Amino acid sequence: MISKLRIWRVVPTSETGAQAPSYFVETQDNGLEKSELSAIKLAKENSVLSKFDNWYFQVTKVNKKKDRFGRYFPNRQ
């Protein structure tokens, strides 16, 4: 089984449309659907806004790579 590093951009959004600052989460699950569910779970664990019912989390897979120092940069192939 090969695990693939996927980087997700998380945007916490309230029901009124206000957005909190976005952040990145990383998953290494097999399958895109399973990885997306894992990203949502990580986003809720990393944010205090998940305690409130009127906030939800939008995750979007981004085309970035991570270098050995932990920085993200665009994936240009």
PDB file of N, CA and C in Angstrom:
ATOM      1  N   MET A   1       0.835  -1.178   0.000  1.00  0.00           N
ATOM      2  CA  MET A   1       0.000   0.000   0.000  1.00  0.00           C
ATOM      3  C   MET A   1       0.882   1.245   0.000  1.00  0.00           C
ATOM      4  N   ILE A   2       0.604   2.129  -0.913  1.00  0.00           N
ATOM      5  CA  ILE A   2       1.364   3.359  -1.034  1.00  0.00           C
ATOM      6  C   ILE A   2       0.517   4.503  -0.483  1.00  0.00           C
ATOM      7  N   SER A   3       1.091   5.253   0.443  1.00  0.00           N
ATOM      8  CA  SER A   3       0.379   6.418   0.954  1.00  0.00           C
ATOM      9  C   SER A   3       0.908   7.655   0.237  1.00  0.00           C
ATOM     10  N   LYS A   4       0.024   8.597  -0.024  1.00  0.00           N
ATOM     11  CA  LYS A   4       0.369   9.775  -0.778  1.00  0.00           C
ATOM     12  C   LYS A   4       0.088  11.005   0.073  1.00  0.00           C
ATOM     13  N   LEU A   5       1.052  11.903   0.145  1.00  0.00           N
ATOM     14  CA  LEU A   5       0.870  13.134   0.898  1.00  0.00           C
ATOM     15  C   LEU A   5      -0.037  14.064   0.113  1.00  0.00           C
ATOM     16  N   ARG A   6      -1.123  14.471   0.742  1.00  0.00           N
ATOM     17  CA  ARG A   6      -2.040  15.426   0.138  1.00  0.00           C
ATOM     18  C   ARG A   6      -2.142  16.630   1.064  1.00  0.00           C
ATOM     19  N   ILE A   7      -2.098  17.811   0.475  1.00  0.00           N
ATOM     20  CA  ILE A   7      -2.171  19.044   1.241  1.00  0.00           C
ATOM     21  C   ILE A   7      -3.512  19.701   0.946  1.00  0.00           C
ATOM     22  N   TRP A   8      -4.225  20.072   2.014  1.00  0.00           N
ATOM     23  CA  TRP A   8      -5.564  20.644   1.909  1.00  0.00           C
ATOM     24  C   TRP A   8      -5.580  22.040   2.508  1.00  0.00           C
ATOM     25  N   ARG A   9      -6.261  22.962   1.849  1.00  0.00           N
ATOM     26  CA  ARG A   9      -6.466  24.306   2.373  1.00  0.00           C
ATOM     27  C   ARG A   9      -7.816  24.330   3.068  1.00  0.00           C
ATOM     28  N   VAL A  10      -7.837  24.760   4.312  1.00  0.00           N
ATOM     29  CA  VAL A  10      -9.052  24.776   5.114  1.00  0.00           C
ATOM     30  C   VAL A  10      -9.486  26.220   5.308  1.00  0.00           C
ATOM     31  N   VAL A  11     -10.767  26.506   4.996  1.00  0.00           N
ATOM     32  CA  VAL A  11     -11.325  27.832   5.198  1.00  0.00           C
ATOM     33  C   VAL A  11     -12.527  27.705   6.122  1.00  0.00           C
ATOM     34  N   PRO A  12     -12.386  28.098   7.400  1.00  0.00           N
ATOM     35  CA  PRO A  12     -13.536  28.095   8.305  1.00  0.00           C
ATOM     36  C   PRO A  12     -14.501  29.215   7.911  1.00  0.00           C
ATOM     37  N   THR A  13     -15.777  28.871   7.737  1.00  0.00           N
ATOM     38  CA  THR A  13     -16.777  29.829   7.293  1.00  0.00           C
ATOM     39  C   THR A  13     -17.994  29.724   8.194  1.00  0.00           C
ATOM     40  N   SER A  14     -18.554  30.880   8.562  1.00  0.00           N
ATOM     41  CA  SER A  14     -19.755  30.882   9.394  1.00  0.00           C
ATOM     42  C   SER A  14     -20.986  30.892   8.500  1.00  0.00           C
ATOM     43  N   GLU A  15     -22.147  30.702   9.110  1.00  0.00           N
ATOM     44  CA  GLU A  15     -23.392  30.711   8.348  1.00  0.00           C
ATOM     45  C   GLU A  15     -23.681  32.083   7.753  1.00  0.00           C
ATOM     46  N   THR A  16     -23.157  33.145   8.378  1.00  0.00           N
ATOM     47  CA  THR A  16     -23.386  34.502   7.864  1.00  0.00           C
ATOM     48  C   THR A  16     -22.434  34.864   6.739  1.00  0.00           C
ATOM     49  N   GLY A  17     -21.433  34.035   6.484  1.00  0.00           N
ATOM     50  CA  GLY A  17     -20.504  34.271   5.389  1.00  0.00           C
ATOM     51  C   GLY A  17     -19.149  34.792   5.823  1.00  0.00           C
ATOM     52  N   ALA A  18     -18.977  35.051   7.099  1.00  0.00           N
ATOM     53  CA  ALA A  18     -17.680  35.513   7.587  1.00  0.00           C
ATOM     54  C   ALA A  18     -16.685  34.359   7.533  1.00  0.00           C
ATOM     55  N   GLN A  19     -15.439  34.688   7.163  1.00  0.00           N
ATOM     56  CA  GLN A  19     -14.414  33.657   7.046  1.00  0.00           C
ATOM     57  C   GLN A  19     -13.267  33.949   8.006  1.00  0.00           C
ATOM     58  N   ALA A  20     -12.815  32.916   8.679  1.00  0.00           N
ATOM     59  CA  ALA A  20     -11.632  33.003   9.537  1.00  0.00           C
ATOM     60  C   ALA A  20     -10.402  32.771   8.660  1.00  0.00           C
ATOM     61  N   PRO A  21      -9.223  33.102   9.152  1.00  0.00           N
ATOM     62  CA  PRO A  21      -8.009  32.856   8.354  1.00  0.00           C
ATOM     63  C   PRO A  21      -7.853  31.380   7.989  1.00  0.00           C
ATOM     64  N   SER A  22      -7.421  31.153   6.765  1.00  0.00           N
ATOM     65  CA  SER A  22      -7.271  29.779   6.288  1.00  0.00           C
ATOM     66  C   SER A  22      -5.952  29.189   6.772  1.00  0.00           C
ATOM     67  N   TYR A  23      -5.877  27.879   6.756  1.00  0.00           N
ATOM     68  CA  TYR A  23      -4.666  27.159   7.133  1.00  0.00           C
ATOM     69  C   TYR A  23      -4.605  25.859   6.360  1.00  0.00           C
ATOM     70  N   PHE A  24      -3.471  25.155   6.445  1.00  0.00           N
ATOM     71  CA  PHE A  24      -3.259  23.927   5.697  1.00  0.00           C
ATOM     72  C   PHE A  24      -3.245  22.729   6.635  1.00  0.00           C
ATOM     73  N   VAL A  25      -3.755  21.605   6.143  1.00  0.00           N
ATOM     74  CA  VAL A  25      -3.630  20.330   6.843  1.00  0.00           C
ATOM     75  C   VAL A  25      -3.092  19.309   5.841  1.00  0.00           C
ATOM     76  N   GLU A  26      -2.452  18.276   6.367  1.00  0.00           N
ATOM     77  CA  GLU A  26      -1.850  17.239   5.530  1.00  0.00           C
ATOM     78  C   GLU A  26      -2.463  15.892   5.865  1.00  0.00           C
ATOM     79  N   THR A  27      -2.719  15.097   4.842  1.00  0.00           N
ATOM     80  CA  THR A  27      -3.203  13.737   5.037  1.00  0.00           C
ATOM     81  C   THR A  27      -2.345  12.787   4.215  1.00  0.00           C
ATOM     82  N   GLN A  28      -2.337  11.521   4.628  1.00  0.00           N
ATOM     83  CA  GLN A  28      -1.583  10.497   3.912  1.00  0.00           C
ATOM     84  C   GLN A  28      -2.405   9.226   3.754  1.00  0.00           C
ATOM     85  N   ASP A  29      -3.688   9.360   3.552  1.00  0.00           N
ATOM     86  CA  ASP A  29      -4.563   8.201   3.408  1.00  0.00           C
ATOM     87  C   ASP A  29      -4.599   7.727   1.969  1.00  0.00           C
ATOM     88  N   ASN A  30      -5.008   6.483   1.800  1.00  0.00           N
ATOM     89  CA  ASN A  30      -5.235   5.947   0.462  1.00  0.00           C
ATOM     90  C   ASN A  30      -6.623   6.362   0.008  1.00  0.00           C
ATOM     91  N   GLY A  31      -6.745   6.778  -1.206  1.00  0.00           N
ATOM     92  CA  GLY A  31      -8.033   7.176  -1.749  1.00  0.00           C
ATOM     93  C   GLY A  31      -8.350   8.634  -1.460  1.00  0.00           C
ATOM     94  N   LEU A  32      -8.878   9.320  -2.448  1.00  0.00           N
ATOM     95  CA  LEU A  32      -9.156  10.745  -2.321  1.00  0.00           C
ATOM     96  C   LEU A  32     -10.312  11.024  -1.368  1.00  0.00           C
ATOM     97  N   GLU A  33     -11.362  10.208  -1.419  1.00  0.00           N
ATOM     98  CA  GLU A  33     -12.530  10.438  -0.563  1.00  0.00           C
ATOM     99  C   GLU A  33     -12.181  10.236   0.915  1.00  0.00           C
ATOM    100  N   LYS A  34     -11.427   9.186   1.191  1.00  0.00           N
ATOM    101  CA  LYS A  34     -11.017   8.919   2.562  1.00  0.00           C
ATOM    102  C   LYS A  34     -10.083  10.019   3.061  1.00  0.00           C
ATOM    103  N   SER A  35      -9.232  10.502   2.193  1.00  0.00           N
ATOM    104  CA  SER A  35      -8.311  11.561   2.553  1.00  0.00           C
ATOM    105  C   SER A  35      -9.053  12.871   2.819  1.00  0.00           C
ATOM    106  N   GLU A  36     -10.108  13.135   2.058  1.00  0.00           N
ATOM    107  CA  GLU A  36     -10.893  14.353   2.265  1.00  0.00           C
ATOM    108  C   GLU A  36     -11.620  14.313   3.605  1.00  0.00           C
ATOM    109  N   LEU A  37     -12.184  13.164   3.955  1.00  0.00           N
ATOM    110  CA  LEU A  37     -12.858  13.027   5.248  1.00  0.00           C
ATOM    111  C   LEU A  37     -11.860  13.181   6.399  1.00  0.00           C
ATOM    112  N   SER A  38     -10.672  12.657   6.204  1.00  0.00           N
ATOM    113  CA  SER A  38      -9.631  12.790   7.211  1.00  0.00           C
ATOM    114  C   SER A  38      -9.199  14.253   7.358  1.00  0.00           C
ATOM    115  N   ALA A  39      -9.150  14.993   6.249  1.00  0.00           N
ATOM    116  CA  ALA A  39      -8.780  16.410   6.291  1.00  0.00           C
ATOM    117  C   ALA A  39      -9.824  17.225   7.045  1.00  0.00           C
ATOM    118  N   ILE A  40     -11.093  16.923   6.842  1.00  0.00           N
ATOM    119  CA  ILE A  40     -12.151  17.626   7.563  1.00  0.00           C
ATOM    120  C   ILE A  40     -12.057  17.328   9.051  1.00  0.00           C
ATOM    121  N   LYS A  41     -11.771  16.089   9.387  1.00  0.00           N
ATOM    122  CA  LYS A  41     -11.633  15.705  10.788  1.00  0.00           C
ATOM    123  C   LYS A  41     -10.448  16.427  11.431  1.00  0.00           C
ATOM    124  N   LEU A  42      -9.311  16.499  10.740  1.00  0.00           N
ATOM    125  CA  LEU A  42      -8.151  17.221  11.254  1.00  0.00           C
ATOM    126  C   LEU A  42      -8.431  18.709  11.401  1.00  0.00           C
ATOM    127  N   ALA A  43      -9.180  19.264  10.447  1.00  0.00           N
ATOM    128  CA  ALA A  43      -9.509  20.687  10.511  1.00  0.00           C
ATOM    129  C   ALA A  43     -10.358  20.994  11.733  1.00  0.00           C
ATOM    130  N   LYS A  44     -11.295  20.121  12.037  1.00  0.00           N
ATOM    131  CA  LYS A  44     -12.147  20.330  13.209  1.00  0.00           C
ATOM    132  C   LYS A  44     -11.363  20.147  14.504  1.00  0.00           C
ATOM    133  N   GLU A  45     -10.399  19.246  14.516  1.00  0.00           N
ATOM    134  CA  GLU A  45      -9.585  19.039  15.712  1.00  0.00           C
ATOM    135  C   GLU A  45      -8.640  20.212  15.967  1.00  0.00           C
ATOM    136  N   ASN A  46      -8.176  20.868  14.906  1.00  0.00           N
ATOM    137  CA  ASN A  46      -7.192  21.937  15.041  1.00  0.00           C
ATOM    138  C   ASN A  46      -7.800  23.307  15.286  1.00  0.00           C
ATOM    139  N   SER A  47      -9.107  23.439  15.232  1.00  0.00           N
ATOM    140  CA  SER A  47      -9.738  24.741  15.363  1.00  0.00           C
ATOM    141  C   SER A  47     -10.736  24.758  16.515  1.00  0.00           C
ATOM    142  N   VAL A  48     -10.734  25.846  17.252  1.00  0.00           N
ATOM    143  CA  VAL A  48     -11.688  26.015  18.348  1.00  0.00           C
ATOM    144  C   VAL A  48     -13.077  26.342  17.798  1.00  0.00           C
ATOM    145  N   LEU A  49     -13.139  26.827  16.568  1.00  0.00           N
ATOM    146  CA  LEU A  49     -14.427  27.194  15.971  1.00  0.00           C
ATOM    147  C   LEU A  49     -15.346  25.994  15.770  1.00  0.00           C
ATOM    148  N   SER A  50     -14.813  24.796  15.838  1.00  0.00           N
ATOM    149  CA  SER A  50     -15.649  23.611  15.671  1.00  0.00           C
ATOM    150  C   SER A  50     -16.588  23.405  16.855  1.00  0.00           C
ATOM    151  N   LYS A  51     -16.343  24.104  17.954  1.00  0.00           N
ATOM    152  CA  LYS A  51     -17.236  24.005  19.109  1.00  0.00           C
ATOM    153  C   LYS A  51     -18.568  24.702  18.866  1.00  0.00           C
ATOM    154  N   PHE A  52     -18.615  25.613  17.921  1.00  0.00           N
ATOM    155  CA  PHE A  52     -19.821  26.371  17.634  1.00  0.00           C
ATOM    156  C   PHE A  52     -20.576  25.740  16.466  1.00  0.00           C
ATOM    157  N   ASP A  53     -21.891  25.728  16.551  1.00  0.00           N
ATOM    158  CA  ASP A  53     -22.718  25.063  15.538  1.00  0.00           C
ATOM    159  C   ASP A  53     -22.804  25.842  14.233  1.00  0.00           C
ATOM    160  N   ASN A  54     -22.572  27.146  14.268  1.00  0.00           N
ATOM    161  CA  ASN A  54     -22.761  27.935  13.055  1.00  0.00           C
ATOM    162  C   ASN A  54     -21.484  28.073  12.205  1.00  0.00           C
ATOM    163  N   TRP A  55     -20.436  27.334  12.513  1.00  0.00           N
ATOM    164  CA  TRP A  55     -19.215  27.338  11.716  1.00  0.00           C
ATOM    165  C   TRP A  55     -19.038  25.989  11.024  1.00  0.00           C
ATOM    166  N   TYR A  56     -18.645  26.025   9.774  1.00  0.00           N
ATOM    167  CA  TYR A  56     -18.326  24.803   9.037  1.00  0.00           C
ATOM    168  C   TYR A  56     -17.003  25.002   8.305  1.00  0.00           C
ATOM    169  N   PHE A  57     -16.415  23.917   7.832  1.00  0.00           N
ATOM    170  CA  PHE A  57     -15.071  23.946   7.271  1.00  0.00           C
ATOM    171  C   PHE A  57     -15.099  23.490   5.821  1.00  0.00           C
ATOM    172  N   GLN A  58     -14.568  24.334   4.936  1.00  0.00           N
ATOM    173  CA  GLN A  58     -14.433  23.983   3.526  1.00  0.00           C
ATOM    174  C   GLN A  58     -12.994  23.538   3.296  1.00  0.00           C
ATOM    175  N   VAL A  59     -12.813  22.367   2.732  1.00  0.00           N
ATOM    176  CA  VAL A  59     -11.470  21.891   2.409  1.00  0.00           C
ATOM    177  C   VAL A  59     -11.320  21.810   0.898  1.00  0.00           C
ATOM    178  N   THR A  60     -10.169  22.239   0.427  1.00  0.00           N
ATOM    179  CA  THR A  60      -9.852  22.227  -0.995  1.00  0.00           C
ATOM    180  C   THR A  60      -8.457  21.667  -1.166  1.00  0.00           C
ATOM    181  N   LYS A  61      -8.319  20.680  -2.034  1.00  0.00           N
ATOM    182  CA  LYS A  61      -6.998  20.108  -2.297  1.00  0.00           C
ATOM    183  C   LYS A  61      -6.201  21.110  -3.126  1.00  0.00           C
ATOM    184  N   VAL A  62      -4.995  21.402  -2.674  1.00  0.00           N
ATOM    185  CA  VAL A  62      -4.147  22.361  -3.378  1.00  0.00           C
ATOM    186  C   VAL A  62      -2.985  21.634  -4.028  1.00  0.00           C
ATOM    187  N   ASN A  63      -2.477  22.233  -5.075  1.00  0.00           N
ATOM    188  CA  ASN A  63      -1.379  21.643  -5.836  1.00  0.00           C
ATOM    189  C   ASN A  63      -0.073  22.237  -5.332  1.00  0.00           C
ATOM    190  N   LYS A  64       0.346  21.815  -4.153  1.00  0.00           N
ATOM    191  CA  LYS A  64       1.578  22.294  -3.546  1.00  0.00           C
ATOM    192  C   LYS A  64       2.403  21.113  -3.079  1.00  0.00           C
ATOM    193  N   LYS A  65       3.691  21.355  -2.926  1.00  0.00           N
ATOM    194  CA  LYS A  65       4.609  20.364  -2.378  1.00  0.00           C
ATOM    195  C   LYS A  65       5.198  20.933  -1.096  1.00  0.00           C
ATOM    196  N   LYS A  66       5.771  20.059  -0.307  1.00  0.00           N
ATOM    197  CA  LYS A  66       6.406  20.457   0.935  1.00  0.00           C
ATOM    198  C   LYS A  66       7.891  20.140   0.841  1.00  0.00           C
ATOM    199  N   ASP A  67       8.732  21.126   1.147  1.00  0.00           N
ATOM    200  CA  ASP A  67      10.162  20.864   1.097  1.00  0.00           C
ATOM    201  C   ASP A  67      10.648  20.332   2.442  1.00  0.00           C
ATOM    202  N   ARG A  68      11.935  20.094   2.547  1.00  0.00           N
ATOM    203  CA  ARG A  68      12.458  19.462   3.753  1.00  0.00           C
ATOM    204  C   ARG A  68      12.428  20.375   4.967  1.00  0.00           C
ATOM    205  N   PHE A  69      12.205  21.686   4.769  1.00  0.00           N
ATOM    206  CA  PHE A  69      12.111  22.629   5.873  1.00  0.00           C
ATOM    207  C   PHE A  69      10.673  22.855   6.329  1.00  0.00           C
ATOM    208  N   GLY A  70       9.709  22.217   5.675  1.00  0.00           N
ATOM    209  CA  GLY A  70       8.306  22.343   6.055  1.00  0.00           C
ATOM    210  C   GLY A  70       7.574  23.469   5.360  1.00  0.00           C
ATOM    211  N   ARG A  71       8.191  24.076   4.357  1.00  0.00           N
ATOM    212  CA  ARG A  71       7.541  25.161   3.623  1.00  0.00           C
ATOM    213  C   ARG A  71       6.769  24.594   2.443  1.00  0.00           C
ATOM    214  N   TYR A  72       5.690  25.261   2.080  1.00  0.00           N
ATOM    215  CA  TYR A  72       4.880  24.855   0.935  1.00  0.00           C
ATOM    216  C   TYR A  72       5.239  25.724  -0.263  1.00  0.00           C
ATOM    217  N   PHE A  73       5.338  25.093  -1.432  1.00  0.00           N
ATOM    218  CA  PHE A  73       5.598  25.828  -2.653  1.00  0.00           C
ATOM    219  C   PHE A  73       4.808  25.195  -3.784  1.00  0.00           C
ATOM    220  N   PRO A  74       4.514  25.966  -4.842  1.00  0.00           N
ATOM    221  CA  PRO A  74       3.700  25.437  -5.947  1.00  0.00           C
ATOM    222  C   PRO A  74       4.369  24.244  -6.616  1.00  0.00           C
ATOM    223  N   ASN A  75       3.549  23.278  -6.993  1.00  0.00           N
ATOM    224  CA  ASN A  75       4.028  22.083  -7.668  1.00  0.00           C
ATOM    225  C   ASN A  75       4.074  22.369  -9.165  1.00  0.00           C
ATOM    226  N   ARG A  76       5.256  22.555  -9.682  1.00  0.00           N
ATOM    227  CA  ARG A  76       5.407  22.842 -11.108  1.00  0.00           C
ATOM    228  C   ARG A  76       6.152  21.701 -11.748  1.00  0.00           C
ATOM    229  N   GLN A  77       5.455  20.952 -12.561  1.00  0.00           N
ATOM    230  CA  GLN A  77       6.068  19.784 -13.191  1.00  0.00           C
ATOM    231  C   GLN A  77       6.352  20.034 -14.637  1.00  0.00           C
TER     232      GLN A  77
END
